């Protein structure tokens, strides 16, 4: 399972940050919570009311067309969906 992270301004996901995230998840939760891959994103999709759009993003990642999975007019920053749409189209790691 991939993990998508938005880092503070000026930070870039590198080997050190990647390993700290993995170690924290392993220590605070369990080894099962450690993702296969970690990807840095520019922004996380939120609704206009401030809720993370986890279900629409999951549906996009599962191959549901973006226009059916998420209503762009309900997203505070519609461009935040673009990374996930592109990732779902190009990724080769999780084919069914």
N, C-alpha and C. Protein backbone atom coordinates (compact mmCIF):
# COMPACT_ATOMS: atom_id res chain seq x y z
N UNK A 1 0.84 -1.17 0.00
CA UNK A 1 0.00 0.00 0.00
C UNK A 1 0.89 1.24 0.00
N UNK A 2 0.59 2.21 -0.84
CA UNK A 2 1.38 3.44 -0.86
C UNK A 2 0.91 4.42 0.23
N UNK A 3 1.79 5.31 0.61
CA UNK A 3 1.47 6.40 1.53
C UNK A 3 1.79 7.69 0.80
N UNK A 4 0.86 8.62 0.82
CA UNK A 4 1.04 9.92 0.18
C UNK A 4 1.19 10.96 1.27
N UNK A 5 2.27 11.73 1.22
CA UNK A 5 2.54 12.71 2.27
C UNK A 5 2.73 14.10 1.67
N UNK A 6 2.26 15.08 2.41
CA UNK A 6 2.53 16.47 2.07
C UNK A 6 3.47 16.97 3.16
N UNK A 7 4.65 17.38 2.74
CA UNK A 7 5.65 17.83 3.70
C UNK A 7 5.60 19.34 3.85
N UNK A 8 6.19 19.81 4.95
CA UNK A 8 6.26 21.25 5.17
C UNK A 8 7.00 21.94 4.04
N UNK A 9 6.69 23.20 3.86
CA UNK A 9 7.31 24.03 2.83
C UNK A 9 8.83 23.92 2.92
N UNK A 10 9.46 23.68 1.79
CA UNK A 10 10.91 23.61 1.74
C UNK A 10 11.49 22.23 1.94
N UNK A 11 10.69 21.26 2.38
CA UNK A 11 11.20 19.90 2.58
C UNK A 11 10.91 19.06 1.35
N UNK A 12 11.81 18.13 1.09
CA UNK A 12 11.64 17.18 0.00
C UNK A 12 11.81 15.79 0.57
N UNK A 13 10.97 14.89 0.13
CA UNK A 13 11.05 13.51 0.60
C UNK A 13 12.37 12.91 0.14
N UNK A 14 13.20 12.59 1.10
CA UNK A 14 14.48 11.96 0.80
C UNK A 14 14.58 10.68 1.62
N UNK A 15 15.70 10.00 1.52
CA UNK A 15 15.86 8.72 2.21
C UNK A 15 15.74 8.87 3.73
N UNK A 16 16.24 9.96 4.28
CA UNK A 16 16.18 10.18 5.72
C UNK A 16 14.75 10.37 6.22
N UNK A 17 13.98 11.21 5.53
CA UNK A 17 12.58 11.44 5.92
C UNK A 17 11.77 10.17 5.70
N UNK A 18 12.02 9.49 4.59
CA UNK A 18 11.33 8.23 4.30
C UNK A 18 11.53 7.24 5.45
N UNK A 19 12.78 7.08 5.88
CA UNK A 19 13.08 6.12 6.94
C UNK A 19 12.49 6.55 8.28
N UNK A 20 12.47 7.86 8.57
CA UNK A 20 11.84 8.33 9.82
C UNK A 20 10.36 8.04 9.83
N UNK A 21 9.68 8.24 8.70
CA UNK A 21 8.25 7.93 8.60
C UNK A 21 8.03 6.45 8.85
N UNK A 22 8.81 5.60 8.18
CA UNK A 22 8.67 4.16 8.34
C UNK A 22 8.93 3.72 9.79
N UNK A 23 9.98 4.26 10.39
CA UNK A 23 10.32 3.89 11.77
C UNK A 23 9.22 4.32 12.74
N UNK A 24 8.68 5.52 12.53
CA UNK A 24 7.61 6.01 13.40
C UNK A 24 6.37 5.14 13.29
N UNK A 25 5.98 4.79 12.07
CA UNK A 25 4.80 3.93 11.88
C UNK A 25 5.03 2.56 12.50
N UNK A 26 6.21 2.01 12.33
CA UNK A 26 6.54 0.70 12.90
C UNK A 26 6.49 0.75 14.42
N UNK A 27 7.05 1.80 15.01
CA UNK A 27 7.12 1.94 16.47
C UNK A 27 5.77 2.30 17.09
N UNK A 28 5.07 3.27 16.50
CA UNK A 28 3.83 3.77 17.09
C UNK A 28 2.62 2.89 16.78
N UNK A 29 2.66 2.17 15.68
CA UNK A 29 1.51 1.35 15.29
C UNK A 29 1.95 -0.11 15.20
N UNK A 30 2.37 -0.56 14.04
CA UNK A 30 2.87 -1.92 13.89
C UNK A 30 3.55 -2.04 12.54
N UNK A 31 4.34 -3.09 12.34
CA UNK A 31 4.98 -3.29 11.04
C UNK A 31 3.97 -3.38 9.89
N UNK A 32 2.76 -3.81 10.19
CA UNK A 32 1.73 -3.90 9.14
C UNK A 32 1.35 -2.54 8.59
N UNK A 33 1.58 -1.48 9.36
CA UNK A 33 1.21 -0.12 8.93
C UNK A 33 2.30 0.55 8.08
N UNK A 34 3.43 -0.09 7.92
CA UNK A 34 4.52 0.49 7.13
C UNK A 34 4.19 0.32 5.65
N UNK A 35 4.15 1.43 4.90
CA UNK A 35 3.76 1.35 3.49
C UNK A 35 4.86 0.73 2.62
N UNK A 36 4.43 0.24 1.46
CA UNK A 36 5.38 -0.29 0.48
C UNK A 36 6.21 0.85 -0.10
N UNK A 37 5.53 1.94 -0.43
CA UNK A 37 6.18 3.10 -1.02
C UNK A 37 5.59 4.37 -0.42
N UNK A 38 6.40 5.42 -0.38
CA UNK A 38 5.95 6.72 0.11
C UNK A 38 6.17 7.73 -1.01
N UNK A 39 5.12 8.50 -1.29
CA UNK A 39 5.17 9.50 -2.35
C UNK A 39 4.87 10.87 -1.77
N UNK A 40 5.65 11.87 -2.17
CA UNK A 40 5.38 13.25 -1.77
C UNK A 40 4.39 13.86 -2.75
N UNK A 41 3.37 14.52 -2.22
CA UNK A 41 2.39 15.21 -3.05
C UNK A 41 2.40 16.69 -2.70
N UNK A 42 1.97 17.50 -3.65
CA UNK A 42 1.91 18.95 -3.43
C UNK A 42 0.79 19.32 -2.46
N UNK A 43 -0.34 18.61 -2.58
CA UNK A 43 -1.46 18.90 -1.69
C UNK A 43 -2.35 17.68 -1.55
N UNK A 44 -3.06 17.65 -0.45
CA UNK A 44 -4.01 16.59 -0.14
C UNK A 44 -5.41 17.13 -0.46
N UNK A 45 -6.23 16.36 -1.16
CA UNK A 45 -7.58 16.85 -1.47
C UNK A 45 -8.47 16.93 -0.23
N UNK A 46 -9.03 18.10 -0.01
CA UNK A 46 -9.99 18.35 1.07
C UNK A 46 -11.28 18.88 0.46
N UNK A 47 -12.39 18.61 1.13
CA UNK A 47 -13.66 19.18 0.70
C UNK A 47 -13.69 20.66 1.07
N UNK A 48 -14.69 21.35 0.61
CA UNK A 48 -14.86 22.76 0.96
C UNK A 48 -15.07 22.95 2.45
N UNK A 49 -15.55 21.91 3.13
CA UNK A 49 -15.78 21.99 4.58
C UNK A 49 -14.59 21.48 5.39
N UNK A 50 -13.49 21.10 4.71
CA UNK A 50 -12.27 20.74 5.40
C UNK A 50 -12.06 19.26 5.71
N UNK A 51 -12.84 18.38 5.11
CA UNK A 51 -12.67 16.94 5.35
C UNK A 51 -11.77 16.35 4.27
N UNK A 52 -10.86 15.45 4.70
CA UNK A 52 -10.01 14.78 3.72
C UNK A 52 -10.88 13.92 2.82
N UNK A 53 -10.55 13.91 1.55
CA UNK A 53 -11.33 13.15 0.56
C UNK A 53 -10.71 11.76 0.37
N UNK A 54 -10.69 10.98 1.44
CA UNK A 54 -10.06 9.66 1.40
C UNK A 54 -10.80 8.69 0.49
N UNK A 55 -12.12 8.64 0.60
CA UNK A 55 -12.90 7.68 -0.20
C UNK A 55 -12.82 8.01 -1.69
N UNK A 56 -13.01 9.26 -2.11
CA UNK A 56 -12.86 9.55 -3.54
C UNK A 56 -11.45 9.24 -4.06
N UNK A 57 -10.43 9.54 -3.28
CA UNK A 57 -9.06 9.25 -3.72
C UNK A 57 -8.87 7.73 -3.83
N UNK A 58 -9.36 6.99 -2.86
CA UNK A 58 -9.25 5.52 -2.92
C UNK A 58 -9.95 4.99 -4.16
N UNK A 59 -11.11 5.53 -4.47
CA UNK A 59 -11.84 5.09 -5.66
C UNK A 59 -11.05 5.40 -6.94
N UNK A 60 -10.45 6.57 -6.99
CA UNK A 60 -9.61 6.93 -8.14
C UNK A 60 -8.46 5.94 -8.27
N UNK A 61 -7.82 5.62 -7.15
CA UNK A 61 -6.69 4.69 -7.17
C UNK A 61 -7.12 3.27 -7.56
N UNK A 62 -8.38 2.95 -7.33
CA UNK A 62 -8.91 1.63 -7.70
C UNK A 62 -9.35 1.58 -9.16
N UNK A 63 -9.26 2.70 -9.87
CA UNK A 63 -9.56 2.71 -11.28
C UNK A 63 -10.90 3.31 -11.68
N UNK A 64 -11.66 3.81 -10.71
CA UNK A 64 -12.92 4.47 -11.03
C UNK A 64 -12.58 5.79 -11.73
N UNK A 65 -13.23 6.10 -12.83
CA UNK A 65 -12.96 7.38 -13.51
C UNK A 65 -13.12 8.56 -12.53
N UNK A 66 -12.21 9.51 -12.61
CA UNK A 66 -12.19 10.63 -11.66
C UNK A 66 -13.51 11.38 -11.61
N UNK A 67 -14.16 11.56 -12.76
CA UNK A 67 -15.42 12.30 -12.76
C UNK A 67 -16.53 11.57 -12.03
N UNK A 68 -16.40 10.25 -11.88
CA UNK A 68 -17.38 9.48 -11.11
C UNK A 68 -16.96 9.35 -9.64
N UNK A 69 -15.66 9.39 -9.39
CA UNK A 69 -15.15 9.18 -8.03
C UNK A 69 -15.22 10.44 -7.17
N UNK A 70 -15.05 11.60 -7.79
CA UNK A 70 -14.98 12.84 -7.02
C UNK A 70 -15.64 13.98 -7.77
N UNK A 71 -16.32 14.81 -7.02
CA UNK A 71 -16.94 16.02 -7.58
C UNK A 71 -15.94 17.17 -7.40
N UNK A 72 -15.33 17.60 -8.49
CA UNK A 72 -14.31 18.67 -8.40
C UNK A 72 -14.84 19.96 -7.79
N UNK A 73 -16.14 20.21 -7.94
CA UNK A 73 -16.68 21.44 -7.37
C UNK A 73 -16.78 21.36 -5.85
N UNK A 74 -16.60 20.18 -5.28
CA UNK A 74 -16.64 20.01 -3.83
C UNK A 74 -15.24 20.01 -3.21
N UNK A 75 -14.21 20.16 -4.04
CA UNK A 75 -12.82 20.12 -3.58
C UNK A 75 -12.31 21.54 -3.38
N UNK A 76 -11.69 21.79 -2.24
CA UNK A 76 -11.19 23.14 -1.98
C UNK A 76 -10.10 23.53 -2.98
N UNK A 77 -9.28 22.56 -3.42
CA UNK A 77 -8.25 22.80 -4.44
C UNK A 77 -8.36 21.65 -5.45
N UNK A 78 -9.16 21.84 -6.50
CA UNK A 78 -9.38 20.76 -7.47
C UNK A 78 -8.09 20.18 -8.07
N UNK A 79 -7.05 20.99 -8.17
CA UNK A 79 -5.78 20.50 -8.71
C UNK A 79 -5.15 19.44 -7.80
N UNK A 80 -5.57 19.37 -6.54
CA UNK A 80 -5.03 18.38 -5.62
C UNK A 80 -5.36 16.96 -6.08
N UNK A 81 -6.41 16.80 -6.86
CA UNK A 81 -6.78 15.47 -7.37
C UNK A 81 -5.88 15.03 -8.52
N UNK A 82 -5.26 15.97 -9.21
CA UNK A 82 -4.51 15.66 -10.42
C UNK A 82 -3.39 14.64 -10.20
N UNK A 83 -2.65 14.76 -9.11
CA UNK A 83 -1.57 13.80 -8.84
C UNK A 83 -2.14 12.39 -8.75
N UNK A 84 -3.23 12.24 -8.03
CA UNK A 84 -3.80 10.91 -7.79
C UNK A 84 -4.38 10.31 -9.08
N UNK A 85 -4.95 11.15 -9.92
CA UNK A 85 -5.47 10.69 -11.21
C UNK A 85 -4.31 10.20 -12.08
N UNK A 86 -3.25 10.99 -12.16
CA UNK A 86 -2.08 10.61 -12.96
C UNK A 86 -1.42 9.37 -12.40
N UNK A 87 -1.30 9.30 -11.08
CA UNK A 87 -0.68 8.12 -10.44
C UNK A 87 -1.47 6.86 -10.77
N UNK A 88 -2.78 6.93 -10.66
CA UNK A 88 -3.63 5.76 -10.93
C UNK A 88 -3.47 5.29 -12.37
N UNK A 89 -3.25 6.21 -13.29
CA UNK A 89 -3.10 5.84 -14.70
C UNK A 89 -1.74 5.25 -15.03
N UNK A 90 -0.70 5.66 -14.31
CA UNK A 90 0.65 5.24 -14.68
C UNK A 90 1.26 4.18 -13.76
N UNK A 91 0.74 4.02 -12.56
CA UNK A 91 1.39 3.12 -11.61
C UNK A 91 1.35 1.67 -12.11
N UNK A 92 2.39 0.94 -11.81
CA UNK A 92 2.52 -0.46 -12.21
C UNK A 92 2.68 -1.38 -11.01
N UNK A 93 2.67 -0.82 -9.80
CA UNK A 93 2.97 -1.59 -8.61
C UNK A 93 1.80 -2.42 -8.08
N UNK A 94 0.59 -1.99 -8.34
CA UNK A 94 -0.57 -2.61 -7.69
C UNK A 94 -1.62 -3.05 -8.69
N UNK A 95 -1.23 -3.72 -9.73
CA UNK A 95 -2.19 -4.20 -10.72
C UNK A 95 -3.00 -5.34 -10.15
N UNK A 96 -4.29 -5.36 -10.51
CA UNK A 96 -5.17 -6.44 -10.07
C UNK A 96 -5.02 -7.66 -10.94
